């Protein structure tokens, strides 16, 4: 494996998904297959070392220092995952070391003082972490006391991914035990076997001997596991090389983290500057031009583009996205027409839902709005069409039913598809029919998703969804963008109820204020937002392409490294 080659391309391959973890797994895979370091024909074969080990273990059994275990079955061809290099052997872990399962203790045994008991949480990132120790006042048996150099293994956990995590016992300043659902393994080959247990090969072979569906490693499983053993001298070379390459991975990971943090800070600072009030409009526009011109080179993660999208919406709702035109008809005139149409509708229909309430005080609005803008409430802009508190009987086919699950942030998703019968539709839709361009809004689960209605066919509306139908001409796409902004989401959230699943009642929603620009400016805002969102879509697509290219480069480098190692071995 050529570290220089990886360093040469690191800036690119590190952007691939899980690049550093994959490098670590690749290193360990090479190590346990005998492909990481060169074999030396002068090394004593592993079989000779094992013979001496058996003799030593036999003496320890006779002196009572270790227990005599049941003989393990011989390793047949079916149990061998792959062919090993010359001088290597397959052996079961139970034949080259001892294992024990940990101490079970009662909550009453826990004390501020006493013997520390190592648990799964004391294994972090392959290392022993003593920051969260539990102590017991009882005197543990010697069989559950750890020794320096032991391997501490998580033997059982609710998460399958955590079973098998391992750390070397080192740096202990006092005697310690290990707890239930933990195991220790003790062998002369522990330094090498630590890397084996960290490898994907260990998970493969342990799965083959685990006959239960429980996320666990039993003592018998561990003893029966077959491991690839190199000559003792090569074990030392492998451990040294793995440690060297893992240290390099640590450096690469730290460099990547530092680079991402600096980039995140730069993106956040650039966008935050645009989200702050500005006294000088021309200076603000110059900052905005600079940011939008240079941000594409900084947006290397989806989170950056999400921030950019939200900044665009925030600028739109503050009147900072497009210039104001003093020749535009003020929004106050538009609102007069809307009120007149509202009054006409009230006279024509006698609808009790149509009520006339005072407009919100613009001076109470959290932002200073540009000249020509106004503030109006939901209830003075829209007829609320909703069916809260009721669920119609559903059928396998018929009239589509639009539920809160279909209303996504900024778009309508017809999946999942639900239906009601035509008979139910006739008696259900008594509060009004949504029109093309009306707004759909979710009141809970999730709250405050908003989108435009683009459905021309007959459909019904379910509970937890409201149709906002404007009383007169207004650009509902601008209103959708406004409601998607952080500003309006915060205003809505402030009136919500509930802790884990927030919701807002229609009565609390109706008086809330919405900033309204002149109608002509609404159209300009929508055109600019559409333009910039298209740019964001392009950036998203480019990120996907770049990520795919980086993944392919990583695959190619790992394949080349493996080919070089195989060639060297041949």
Protein backbone atom coordinates (compact mmCIF):
# COMPACT_ATOMS: atom_id res chain seq x y z
CA UNK A 1 0.00 0.00 0.00
CA UNK A 2 1.42 3.37 -1.03
CA UNK A 3 0.64 6.12 1.55
CA UNK A 4 2.17 8.79 -0.71
CA UNK A 5 -0.36 8.00 -3.42
CA UNK A 6 -3.22 8.33 -0.98
CA UNK A 7 -1.84 11.66 0.25
CA UNK A 8 -1.50 12.90 -3.31
CA UNK A 9 -5.21 12.41 -3.96
CA UNK A 10 -6.45 12.94 -0.41
CA UNK A 11 -8.28 16.22 -1.06
CA UNK A 12 -10.49 14.38 -3.55
CA UNK A 13 -10.91 10.93 -2.03
CA UNK A 14 -11.60 12.34 1.44
CA UNK A 15 -14.85 13.80 0.09
CA UNK A 16 -16.06 10.30 -0.83
CA UNK A 17 -18.62 8.87 1.63
CA UNK A 18 -16.88 7.18 4.59
CA UNK A 19 -13.48 7.61 2.91
CA UNK A 20 -11.35 7.38 6.08
CA UNK A 21 -13.33 4.51 7.67
CA UNK A 22 -13.04 2.62 4.38
CA UNK A 23 -9.28 3.18 4.33
CA UNK A 24 -9.07 1.83 7.86
CA UNK A 25 -11.09 -1.27 6.93
CA UNK A 26 -8.93 -1.78 3.84
CA UNK A 27 -5.73 -1.61 5.89
CA UNK A 28 -7.03 -4.21 8.34
CA UNK A 29 -8.23 -6.43 5.51
CA UNK A 30 -4.75 -6.40 3.94
CA UNK A 31 -3.18 -7.04 7.34
CA UNK A 32 -5.13 -10.22 8.15
CA UNK A 33 -4.68 -11.58 4.61
CA UNK A 34 -0.91 -11.23 4.68
CA UNK A 35 -0.92 -8.47 2.05
CA UNK A 36 0.25 -5.51 4.14
CA UNK A 37 3.90 -6.36 4.74
CA UNK A 38 6.32 -8.61 2.90
CA UNK A 39 6.77 -12.18 4.05
CA UNK A 40 10.30 -13.13 5.10
CA UNK A 41 11.27 -16.75 4.27
CA UNK A 42 13.65 -16.64 7.25
CA UNK A 43 10.76 -16.14 9.70
CA UNK A 44 9.96 -19.12 11.88
CA UNK A 45 6.58 -20.49 10.63
CA UNK A 46 3.55 -19.83 12.78
CA UNK A 47 3.12 -23.59 13.28
CA UNK A 48 6.39 -23.80 15.24
CA UNK A 49 5.37 -20.91 17.45
CA UNK A 50 2.03 -22.62 18.09
CA UNK A 51 3.76 -25.83 19.15
CA UNK A 52 5.70 -23.94 21.83
CA UNK A 53 2.51 -22.15 22.84
CA UNK A 54 0.69 -25.49 23.35
CA UNK A 55 3.52 -26.75 25.53
CA UNK A 56 3.41 -23.58 27.64
CA UNK A 57 -0.37 -23.71 28.02
CA UNK A 58 -0.20 -27.37 29.06
CA UNK A 59 2.20 -26.45 31.87
CA UNK A 60 -0.10 -23.62 32.99
CA UNK A 61 -3.02 -26.07 33.15
CA UNK A 62 -0.97 -28.44 35.29
CA UNK A 63 -0.03 -25.67 37.70
CA UNK A 64 -3.64 -24.51 37.88
CA UNK A 65 -2.91 -21.05 36.47
CA UNK A 66 -5.42 -21.58 33.67
CA UNK A 67 -8.36 -23.97 33.40
CA UNK A 68 -8.47 -26.94 31.07
CA UNK A 69 -11.06 -26.36 28.35
CA UNK A 70 -12.84 -28.86 26.17
CA UNK A 71 -10.93 -29.69 22.99
CA UNK A 72 -12.08 -27.72 19.97
CA UNK A 73 -12.92 -29.42 16.68
CA UNK A 74 -10.24 -29.46 13.98
CA UNK A 75 -10.43 -26.83 11.25
CA UNK A 76 -11.79 -28.36 8.05
CA UNK A 77 -11.71 -26.87 4.56
CA UNK A 78 -15.23 -25.46 4.95
CA UNK A 79 -14.12 -23.31 7.88
CA UNK A 80 -11.21 -21.71 5.99
CA UNK A 81 -12.26 -18.34 4.50
CA UNK A 82 -9.29 -18.05 2.09
CA UNK A 83 -5.80 -19.38 1.37
CA UNK A 84 -3.02 -18.00 3.56
CA UNK A 85 0.56 -17.04 2.65
CA UNK A 86 3.38 -19.46 3.30
CA UNK A 87 4.24 -19.72 6.98
CA UNK A 88 0.75 -18.72 8.15
CA UNK A 89 -1.84 -21.04 9.73
CA UNK A 90 -5.50 -20.99 10.65
CA UNK A 91 -6.17 -21.60 14.33
CA UNK A 92 -9.10 -21.32 16.68
CA UNK A 93 -8.82 -18.55 19.26
CA UNK A 94 -9.55 -21.02 22.06
CA UNK A 95 -6.33 -22.92 21.23
CA UNK A 96 -4.05 -19.89 21.50
CA UNK A 97 -5.54 -17.96 24.41
CA UNK A 98 -8.06 -17.77 27.25
CA UNK A 99 -11.38 -16.02 27.37
CA UNK A 100 -13.77 -15.17 30.19
CA UNK A 101 -17.22 -13.59 30.41
CA UNK A 102 -17.70 -10.70 32.82
CA UNK A 103 -19.11 -9.89 36.22
CA UNK A 104 -22.83 -9.63 36.90
CA UNK A 105 -23.56 -7.21 39.71
CA UNK A 106 -26.62 -5.72 41.38
CA UNK A 107 -27.47 -1.99 41.34
CA UNK A 108 -27.11 -2.21 45.13
CA UNK A 109 -23.43 -3.08 44.63
CA UNK A 110 -22.68 0.24 42.87
CA UNK A 111 -20.68 2.61 45.04
CA UNK A 112 -18.60 5.76 44.80
CA UNK A 113 -15.63 3.70 45.88
CA UNK A 114 -14.53 0.16 45.20
CA UNK A 115 -13.42 -1.82 42.17
CA UNK A 116 -14.02 -0.23 38.75
CA UNK A 117 -16.04 -2.41 36.36
CA UNK A 118 -15.33 -1.91 32.66
CA UNK A 119 -18.41 -1.80 30.41
CA UNK A 120 -19.20 -1.32 26.73
CA UNK A 121 -19.14 2.47 27.15
CA UNK A 122 -15.49 2.20 28.21
CA UNK A 123 -14.57 1.17 24.66
CA UNK A 124 -14.54 4.20 22.40
CA UNK A 125 -13.08 4.21 18.87
CA UNK A 126 -11.01 1.11 19.55
CA UNK A 127 -9.42 2.51 22.70
CA UNK A 128 -10.00 2.20 26.42
CA UNK A 129 -11.91 5.21 27.78
CA UNK A 130 -11.92 5.53 31.57
CA UNK A 131 -13.96 8.74 31.77
CA UNK A 132 -17.20 6.95 32.75
CA UNK A 133 -16.37 4.30 35.33
CA UNK A 134 -18.83 2.34 37.46
CA UNK A 135 -17.50 0.98 40.76
CA UNK A 136 -18.77 -1.88 42.92
CA UNK A 137 -18.21 -2.38 46.62
CA UNK A 138 -18.16 -6.19 46.37
CA UNK A 139 -14.88 -8.03 45.85
CA UNK A 140 -14.94 -9.49 42.29
CA UNK A 141 -13.57 -12.97 41.61
CA UNK A 142 -10.12 -13.19 40.08
CA UNK A 143 -11.58 -14.62 36.86
CA UNK A 144 -13.26 -11.30 36.05
CA UNK A 145 -10.23 -9.12 36.81
CA UNK A 146 -8.43 -7.72 33.77
CA UNK A 147 -4.69 -7.70 33.16
CA UNK A 148 -2.53 -5.30 31.20
CA UNK A 149 -2.56 -6.31 27.53
CA UNK A 150 -5.93 -8.13 27.69
CA UNK A 151 -8.43 -7.51 24.91
CA UNK A 152 -11.71 -6.16 26.26
CA UNK A 153 -14.57 -7.12 23.90
CA UNK A 154 -18.23 -6.05 23.86
CA UNK A 155 -19.94 -9.45 23.82
CA UNK A 156 -23.60 -8.40 23.82
CA UNK A 157 -25.46 -5.22 22.90
CA UNK A 158 -28.80 -4.05 21.57
CA UNK A 159 -26.95 -2.77 18.51
CA UNK A 160 -25.37 -5.44 16.31
CA UNK A 161 -22.77 -2.89 15.12
CA UNK A 162 -21.42 -2.49 18.68
CA UNK A 163 -21.02 -6.22 19.34
CA UNK A 164 -17.36 -7.08 18.85
CA UNK A 165 -15.91 -3.64 19.47
CA UNK A 166 -12.59 -4.07 21.23
CA UNK A 167 -9.87 -2.23 23.13
CA UNK A 168 -6.50 -3.20 24.58
CA UNK A 169 -6.30 -2.97 28.37
CA UNK A 170 -3.52 -0.48 29.03
CA UNK A 171 -2.94 2.53 31.20
CA UNK A 172 -4.87 1.19 34.21
CA UNK A 173 -3.66 2.64 37.49
CA UNK A 174 -5.68 0.29 39.72
CA UNK A 175 -7.11 -3.25 39.55
CA UNK A 176 -10.29 -3.43 37.50
CA UNK A 177 -12.97 -5.99 36.62
CA UNK A 178 -15.08 -6.28 33.49
CA UNK A 179 -18.85 -6.40 33.52
CA UNK A 180 -21.63 -8.57 32.19
CA UNK A 181 -22.06 -8.62 28.41
CA UNK A 182 -18.31 -8.12 28.13
CA UNK A 183 -15.50 -10.60 27.48
CA UNK A 184 -11.75 -10.55 27.74
CA UNK A 185 -9.30 -12.43 25.57
CA UNK A 186 -5.74 -13.12 26.71
CA UNK A 187 -2.99 -14.40 24.41
CA UNK A 188 0.67 -13.85 23.54
CA UNK A 189 -0.57 -12.67 20.12
CA UNK A 190 -2.95 -10.03 21.48
CA UNK A 191 -1.40 -7.06 19.67
CA UNK A 192 -1.91 -8.73 16.31
CA UNK A 193 -5.25 -10.29 17.29
CA UNK A 194 -6.55 -6.86 18.31
CA UNK A 195 -6.32 -5.82 14.66
CA UNK A 196 -7.90 -9.10 13.59
CA UNK A 197 -10.90 -8.50 15.89
CA UNK A 198 -11.21 -4.96 14.50
CA UNK A 199 -11.35 -6.33 10.94
CA UNK A 200 -14.36 -7.25 8.84
CA UNK A 201 -13.00 -10.82 8.68
CA UNK A 202 -13.63 -11.28 12.41
CA UNK A 203 -17.27 -10.27 12.00
CA UNK A 204 -17.57 -12.72 9.13
CA UNK A 205 -16.15 -15.71 10.97
CA UNK A 206 -17.90 -14.92 14.27
CA UNK A 207 -21.23 -14.80 12.41
CA UNK A 208 -20.57 -18.29 11.07
CA UNK A 209 -20.24 -19.78 14.57
CA UNK A 210 -23.09 -17.76 16.15
CA UNK A 211 -26.18 -19.96 15.85
CA UNK A 212 -28.61 -17.49 17.51
CA UNK A 213 -30.33 -14.32 16.33
CA UNK A 214 -29.27 -12.47 19.50
CA UNK A 215 -26.65 -9.74 19.09
CA UNK A 216 -23.99 -11.50 21.11
CA UNK A 217 -20.66 -13.30 21.19
CA UNK A 218 -20.71 -16.23 23.60
CA UNK A 219 -17.61 -17.65 25.22
CA UNK A 220 -17.92 -20.72 23.02
CA UNK A 221 -18.32 -18.56 19.90
CA UNK A 222 -15.13 -16.70 20.72
CA UNK A 223 -13.17 -19.87 21.42
CA UNK A 224 -14.40 -21.49 18.18
CA UNK A 225 -13.53 -18.51 15.95
CA UNK A 226 -10.83 -19.26 13.39
CA UNK A 227 -8.10 -16.65 13.01
CA UNK A 228 -5.30 -16.27 10.42
CA UNK A 229 -1.98 -16.41 12.30
CA UNK A 230 1.26 -15.17 10.75
CA UNK A 231 4.75 -16.03 12.01
CA UNK A 232 5.52 -14.23 15.27
CA UNK A 233 8.10 -11.96 13.63
CA UNK A 234 5.62 -10.99 10.92
CA UNK A 235 2.98 -10.28 13.55
CA UNK A 236 5.31 -7.62 14.95
CA UNK A 237 5.86 -6.13 11.48
CA UNK A 238 2.11 -6.14 10.77
CA UNK A 239 1.31 -4.41 14.07
CA UNK A 240 3.95 -1.74 13.42
CA UNK A 241 2.68 -1.11 9.87
CA UNK A 242 -0.98 -1.01 10.91
CA UNK A 243 -0.15 1.41 13.73
CA UNK A 244 1.77 3.59 11.26
CA UNK A 245 -1.06 3.65 8.72
CA UNK A 246 -3.76 4.18 11.35
CA UNK A 247 -1.78 7.16 12.65
CA UNK A 248 -1.74 8.46 9.08
CA UNK A 249 -5.54 7.96 8.90
CA UNK A 250 -5.85 9.92 12.16
CA UNK A 251 -3.90 12.78 10.58
CA UNK A 252 -5.99 12.66 7.42
CA UNK A 253 -9.20 12.59 9.46
CA UNK A 254 -8.07 15.57 11.55
CA UNK A 255 -7.08 17.47 8.40
CA UNK A 256 -10.45 16.75 6.80
CA UNK A 257 -12.33 17.77 9.94
CA UNK A 258 -10.32 21.00 10.20
CA UNK A 259 -10.93 21.78 6.51
CA UNK A 260 -14.66 21.13 6.84
CA UNK A 261 -14.93 23.24 9.99
CA UNK A 262 -13.12 26.15 8.32
CA UNK A 263 -15.35 25.84 5.26
CA UNK A 264 -18.48 25.62 7.43
CA UNK A 265 -17.45 28.76 9.30
CA UNK A 266 -16.78 30.61 6.06
CA UNK A 267 -20.13 29.60 4.54
CA UNK A 268 -21.99 30.45 7.77
CA UNK A 269 -20.26 33.84 8.06
CA UNK A 270 -20.99 34.69 4.42
CA UNK A 271 -24.67 33.81 4.73
CA UNK A 272 -25.05 35.34 8.18
CA UNK A 273 -23.84 38.68 6.79
CA UNK A 274 -26.68 38.59 4.28
CA UNK A 275 -29.22 37.69 6.96
CA UNK A 276 -28.35 40.71 9.11
CA UNK A 277 -30.12 44.10 8.79
CA UNK A 278 -28.19 46.49 6.51
CA UNK A 279 -28.25 50.30 6.51
CA UNK A 280 -26.55 50.69 3.13
CA UNK A 281 -28.59 48.96 0.41
CA UNK A 282 -25.90 49.31 -2.24
CA UNK A 283 -23.22 47.84 0.04
CA UNK A 284 -25.63 45.03 0.90
CA UNK A 285 -26.25 44.24 -2.78
CA UNK A 286 -22.50 44.21 -3.40
CA UNK A 287 -22.07 41.73 -0.52
CA UNK A 288 -24.88 39.61 -1.96
CA UNK A 289 -23.34 39.61 -5.44
CA UNK A 290 -19.95 38.63 -4.02
CA UNK A 291 -21.47 35.83 -1.92
CA UNK A 292 -23.54 34.33 -4.73
CA UNK A 293 -20.60 34.52 -7.14
CA UNK A 294 -18.18 32.72 -4.81
CA UNK A 295 -20.42 30.46 -2.74
CA UNK A 296 -20.59 27.67 -5.36
CA UNK A 297 -16.88 27.02 -4.75
CA UNK A 298 -17.48 26.75 -1.01
CA UNK A 299 -20.60 24.57 -1.06
CA UNK A 300 -19.12 21.10 -0.80
CA UNK A 301 -21.82 19.49 1.33
CA UNK A 302 -25.63 19.27 1.09
CA UNK A 303 -25.90 21.19 4.38
CA UNK A 304 -24.25 24.21 2.73
CA UNK A 305 -26.79 24.22 -0.09
CA UNK A 306 -29.63 23.88 2.40
CA UNK A 307 -28.29 26.98 4.18
CA UNK A 308 -28.05 28.78 0.85
CA UNK A 309 -31.66 27.95 -0.03
CA UNK A 310 -32.86 29.27 3.32
CA UNK A 311 -30.81 32.47 2.90
CA UNK A 312 -32.47 33.06 -0.48
CA UNK A 313 -35.91 32.73 1.13
CA UNK A 314 -34.94 35.01 4.02
CA UNK A 315 -33.71 37.68 1.59
CA UNK A 316 -36.94 37.37 -0.40
CA UNK A 317 -39.23 37.87 2.58
CA UNK A 318 -37.17 40.88 3.79
CA UNK A 319 -37.31 42.65 0.43
CA UNK A 320 -33.55 42.24 -0.11
CA UNK A 321 -33.56 39.88 -3.07
CA UNK A 322 -34.66 42.22 -5.86
CA UNK A 323 -34.63 46.05 -6.08
CA UNK A 324 -37.77 47.98 -5.20
CA UNK A 325 -39.36 50.01 -8.01
CA UNK A 326 -40.95 53.31 -6.86
CA UNK A 327 -43.34 53.03 -9.82
CA UNK A 328 -44.88 49.82 -8.45
CA UNK A 329 -48.40 50.09 -7.08
CA UNK A 330 -48.04 49.87 -3.25
CA UNK A 331 -49.13 46.67 -1.53
CA UNK A 332 -51.74 48.68 0.39
CA UNK A 333 -53.73 49.06 -2.84
CA UNK A 334 -53.55 45.32 -3.47
CA UNK A 335 -54.83 44.66 0.05
CA UNK A 336 -57.77 47.02 -0.52
CA UNK A 337 -58.80 44.97 -3.57
CA UNK A 338 -58.47 41.76 -1.56
CA UNK A 339 -60.71 43.17 1.18
CA UNK A 340 -63.27 44.27 -1.40
CA UNK A 341 -63.35 40.78 -2.95
CA UNK A 342 -63.64 39.28 0.51
CA UNK A 343 -66.67 41.47 1.22
CA UNK A 344 -68.23 40.47 -2.11
CA UNK A 345 -67.76 36.79 -1.27
CA UNK A 346 -69.33 37.30 2.13
CA UNK A 347 -72.39 38.97 0.57
CA UNK A 348 -72.73 36.32 -2.12
CA UNK A 349 -72.31 33.24 0.10
CA UNK A 350 -73.11 34.35 3.63
CA UNK A 351 -70.22 32.09 4.69
CA UNK A 352 -69.85 32.38 8.49
CA UNK A 353 -66.15 31.62 8.20
CA UNK A 354 -65.53 34.96 6.48
CA UNK A 355 -64.90 37.51 9.18
CA UNK A 356 -63.42 41.00 9.02
CA UNK A 357 -60.58 41.56 11.45
CA UNK A 358 -58.14 44.48 11.81
CA UNK A 359 -54.87 44.19 9.91
CA UNK A 360 -51.77 43.43 12.02
CA UNK A 361 -49.79 46.43 13.23
CA UNK A 362 -46.79 46.72 10.86
CA UNK A 363 -44.77 48.28 13.68
CA UNK A 364 -45.17 45.06 15.64
CA UNK A 365 -43.70 43.02 12.80
CA UNK A 366 -40.20 41.72 13.70
CA UNK A 367 -38.56 43.30 10.62
CA UNK A 368 -38.52 46.76 9.11
CA UNK A 369 -40.05 46.34 5.66
CA UNK A 370 -39.22 48.30 2.49
CA UNK A 371 -41.30 51.19 1.22
CA UNK A 372 -44.43 50.02 -0.56
CA UNK A 373 -44.73 46.80 1.47
CA UNK A 374 -47.54 46.04 3.93
CA UNK A 375 -48.41 43.42 6.52
CA UNK A 376 -51.61 41.39 6.49
CA UNK A 377 -52.99 38.45 8.46
CA UNK A 378 -53.72 34.97 7.16
CA UNK A 379 -57.47 35.35 7.77
CA UNK A 380 -57.65 38.62 5.80
CA UNK A 381 -55.86 37.07 2.83
CA UNK A 382 -57.33 33.58 2.68
CA UNK A 383 -60.47 31.56 3.06
CA UNK A 384 -59.50 28.61 5.28
CA UNK A 385 -60.70 25.29 3.82
CA UNK A 386 -60.03 22.52 6.31
CA UNK A 387 -61.52 19.34 7.75
CA UNK A 388 -59.87 19.20 11.15
CA UNK A 389 -60.80 16.48 13.59
CA UNK A 390 -62.35 14.11 11.05
CA UNK A 391 -61.03 11.21 9.00
CA UNK A 392 -63.11 10.01 6.03
CA UNK A 393 -63.45 6.25 5.42
CA UNK A 394 -60.81 5.18 2.88
CA UNK A 395 -61.04 2.84 -0.10
CA UNK A 396 -58.55 1.09 -2.39
CA UNK A 397 -59.49 3.31 -5.33
CA UNK A 398 -61.73 6.24 -6.16
CA UNK A 399 -61.26 9.96 -5.46
CA UNK A 400 -57.69 10.87 -4.33
CA UNK A 401 -57.33 11.99 -0.71
CA UNK A 402 -54.59 14.55 -0.02
CA UNK A 403 -53.21 14.18 3.50
CA UNK A 404 -50.51 15.91 5.53
CA UNK A 405 -48.10 13.19 4.35
CA UNK A 406 -48.45 14.46 0.76
CA UNK A 407 -47.67 18.09 1.64
CA UNK A 408 -43.90 18.50 1.62
CA UNK A 409 -41.89 21.68 2.12
CA UNK A 410 -42.21 23.47 -1.20
CA UNK A 411 -43.85 20.72 -3.24
CA UNK A 412 -46.79 18.32 -3.35
CA UNK A 413 -45.93 14.61 -3.41
CA UNK A 414 -48.77 12.34 -4.51
CA UNK A 415 -47.21 9.40 -2.62
CA UNK A 416 -48.49 7.76 -0.50
CA UNK A 417 -51.75 7.53 -2.44
CA UNK A 418 -54.99 7.24 -0.53
CA UNK A 419 -58.58 7.29 -1.78
CA UNK A 420 -62.18 7.77 -0.73
CA UNK A 421 -65.34 6.71 -2.55
CA UNK A 422 -67.35 9.07 -4.76
CA UNK A 423 -70.25 8.92 -2.31
CA UNK A 424 -67.97 9.95 0.56
CA UNK A 425 -66.51 12.73 -1.59
CA UNK A 426 -69.95 14.24 -2.18
CA UNK A 427 -70.75 14.46 1.52
CA UNK A 428 -67.20 15.24 2.67
CA UNK A 429 -66.14 18.27 0.62
CA UNK A 430 -68.73 20.68 2.01
CA UNK A 431 -66.38 23.47 3.09
CA UNK A 432 -65.06 24.39 -0.35
CA UNK A 433 -62.99 23.05 -3.23
CA UNK A 434 -59.27 23.89 -3.58
CA UNK A 435 -58.25 25.57 -6.83
CA UNK A 436 -55.02 25.39 -8.84
CA UNK A 437 -52.49 27.68 -7.18
CA UNK A 438 -54.05 27.57 -3.70
CA UNK A 439 -51.71 26.88 -0.81
CA UNK A 440 -51.72 23.67 1.22
CA UNK A 441 -50.45 23.90 4.82
CA UNK A 442 -49.90 21.22 7.46
CA UNK A 443 -50.94 21.97 11.03
CA UNK A 444 -49.03 19.07 12.62
CA UNK A 445 -47.01 15.90 11.96
CA UNK A 446 -45.15 17.75 10.47
CA UNK A 447 -46.15 21.33 11.24
CA UNK A 448 -45.89 24.22 8.76
CA UNK A 449 -45.06 22.36 5.58
CA UNK A 450 -46.43 24.42 2.70
CA UNK A 451 -46.85 23.85 -1.04
CA UNK A 452 -48.93 24.89 -4.05
CA UNK A 453 -51.89 22.89 -5.28
CA UNK A 454 -51.20 21.64 -8.80
CA UNK A 455 -53.99 19.03 -9.00
CA UNK A 456 -56.66 19.61 -11.64
CA UNK A 457 -58.69 16.42 -11.04
CA UNK A 458 -61.28 16.16 -8.22
CA UNK A 459 -59.75 15.31 -4.84
CA UNK A 460 -60.54 15.49 -1.14
CA UNK A 461 -58.57 17.07 1.68
CA UNK A 462 -57.88 15.21 4.93
CA UNK A 463 -57.44 16.47 8.47
CA UNK A 464 -54.23 18.21 9.66
CA UNK A 465 -54.13 20.03 6.31
CA UNK A 466 -55.53 23.46 5.45
CA UNK A 467 -56.12 24.94 2.02
CA UNK A 468 -55.41 28.69 1.95
CA UNK A 469 -57.56 30.09 -0.86
CA UNK A 470 -56.84 33.78 -1.57
CA UNK A 471 -59.85 36.10 -1.83
CA UNK A 472 -58.34 37.93 -4.82
CA UNK A 473 -55.33 37.93 -7.14
CA UNK A 474 -52.03 37.56 -5.32
CA UNK A 475 -48.89 35.60 -6.17
CA UNK A 476 -49.35 32.48 -4.05
CA UNK A 477 -45.91 31.21 -5.02
CA UNK A 478 -44.43 34.28 -3.31
CA UNK A 479 -46.57 33.48 -0.27
CA UNK A 480 -45.30 29.88 -0.32
CA UNK A 481 -41.69 31.12 -0.37
CA UNK A 482 -42.47 33.54 2.46
CA UNK A 483 -43.99 30.79 4.63
CA UNK A 484 -40.97 28.56 3.96
CA UNK A 485 -38.56 31.22 5.29
CA UNK A 486 -36.99 31.04 8.74
CA UNK A 487 -38.78 34.27 9.66
CA UNK A 488 -42.29 32.96 9.05
CA UNK A 489 -41.50 29.49 10.39
CA UNK A 490 -40.37 31.14 13.67
CA UNK A 491 -43.55 33.25 13.84
CA UNK A 492 -45.69 30.12 13.33
CA UNK A 493 -43.62 28.06 15.78
CA UNK A 494 -44.09 30.70 18.49
CA UNK A 495 -47.85 30.09 18.40
CA UNK A 496 -47.61 26.29 18.28
CA UNK A 497 -48.50 23.93 21.12
CA UNK A 498 -47.08 20.56 22.14
CA UNK A 499 -43.57 19.40 22.99
CA UNK A 500 -42.59 16.27 21.05
CA UNK A 501 -45.10 16.73 18.21
CA UNK A 502 -45.86 20.41 17.73
CA UNK A 503 -49.07 21.61 16.15
CA UNK A 504 -50.89 24.88 15.52
CA UNK A 505 -54.62 25.50 15.68
CA UNK A 506 -56.33 27.36 12.85
CA UNK A 507 -57.52 29.96 15.38
CA UNK A 508 -53.89 30.72 16.33
CA UNK A 509 -52.82 30.78 12.70
CA UNK A 510 -55.44 33.22 11.39
CA UNK A 511 -54.17 36.46 13.03
CA UNK A 512 -50.49 35.87 12.24
CA UNK A 513 -48.85 38.51 10.03
CA UNK A 514 -47.36 37.96 6.55
CA UNK A 515 -45.19 40.59 4.80
CA UNK A 516 -46.78 41.60 1.47
CA UNK A 517 -44.78 43.37 -1.26
CA UNK A 518 -46.36 45.16 -4.25
CA UNK A 519 -47.82 42.66 -6.70
CA UNK A 520 -45.27 43.53 -9.40
CA UNK A 521 -42.43 42.96 -6.93
CA UNK A 522 -43.97 39.64 -5.90
CA UNK A 523 -43.56 38.48 -9.50
CA UNK A 524 -39.93 39.69 -9.60
CA UNK A 525 -39.17 37.96 -6.30
CA UNK A 526 -40.64 34.67 -7.53
CA UNK A 527 -38.63 34.86 -10.76
CA UNK A 528 -35.40 35.52 -8.84
CA UNK A 529 -36.06 32.80 -6.26
CA UNK A 530 -36.78 30.32 -9.06
CA UNK A 531 -33.54 31.33 -10.78
CA UNK A 532 -31.46 30.94 -7.62
CA UNK A 533 -33.17 27.68 -6.60
CA UNK A 534 -32.29 26.32 -10.04
CA UNK A 535 -28.68 27.25 -9.26
CA UNK A 536 -29.00 25.36 -5.97
CA UNK A 537 -30.39 22.36 -7.85
CA UNK A 538 -27.36 22.49 -10.16
CA UNK A 539 -25.02 22.67 -7.16
CA UNK A 540 -26.80 19.65 -5.64
CA UNK A 541 -26.40 17.74 -8.88
CA UNK A 542 -22.74 18.72 -9.13
CA UNK A 543 -22.15 17.53 -5.56
CA UNK A 544 -23.64 14.16 -6.48
CA UNK A 545 -21.39 13.92 -9.55
CA UNK A 546 -18.30 14.98 -7.58
CA UNK A 547 -19.13 12.53 -4.81
CA UNK A 548 -19.50 9.74 -7.36
CA UNK A 549 -16.17 10.68 -9.03
CA UNK A 550 -14.41 10.75 -5.66
CA UNK A 551 -15.88 7.37 -4.76
CA UNK A 552 -14.64 5.89 -8.05
CA UNK A 553 -11.17 7.38 -7.47
CA UNK A 554 -11.06 5.86 -3.99
CA UNK A 555 -12.14 2.49 -5.39
CA UNK A 556 -9.45 2.71 -8.09
CA UNK A 557 -6.70 3.59 -5.61
CA UNK A 558 -7.69 0.77 -3.26
CA UNK A 559 -7.90 -1.67 -6.17
CA UNK A 560 -4.46 -0.56 -7.41
CA UNK A 561 -3.00 -0.87 -3.92
CA UNK A 562 -4.41 -4.38 -3.60
CA UNK A 563 -3.08 -5.33 -7.06
CA UNK A 564 0.39 -4.05 -6.15
CA UNK A 565 0.35 -6.00 -2.90
CA UNK A 566 -0.83 -9.16 -4.65
CA UNK A 567 1.87 -8.71 -7.28
CA UNK A 568 4.52 -8.23 -4.63
CA UNK A 569 3.30 -11.32 -2.79
CA UNK A 570 3.50 -13.36 -6.00
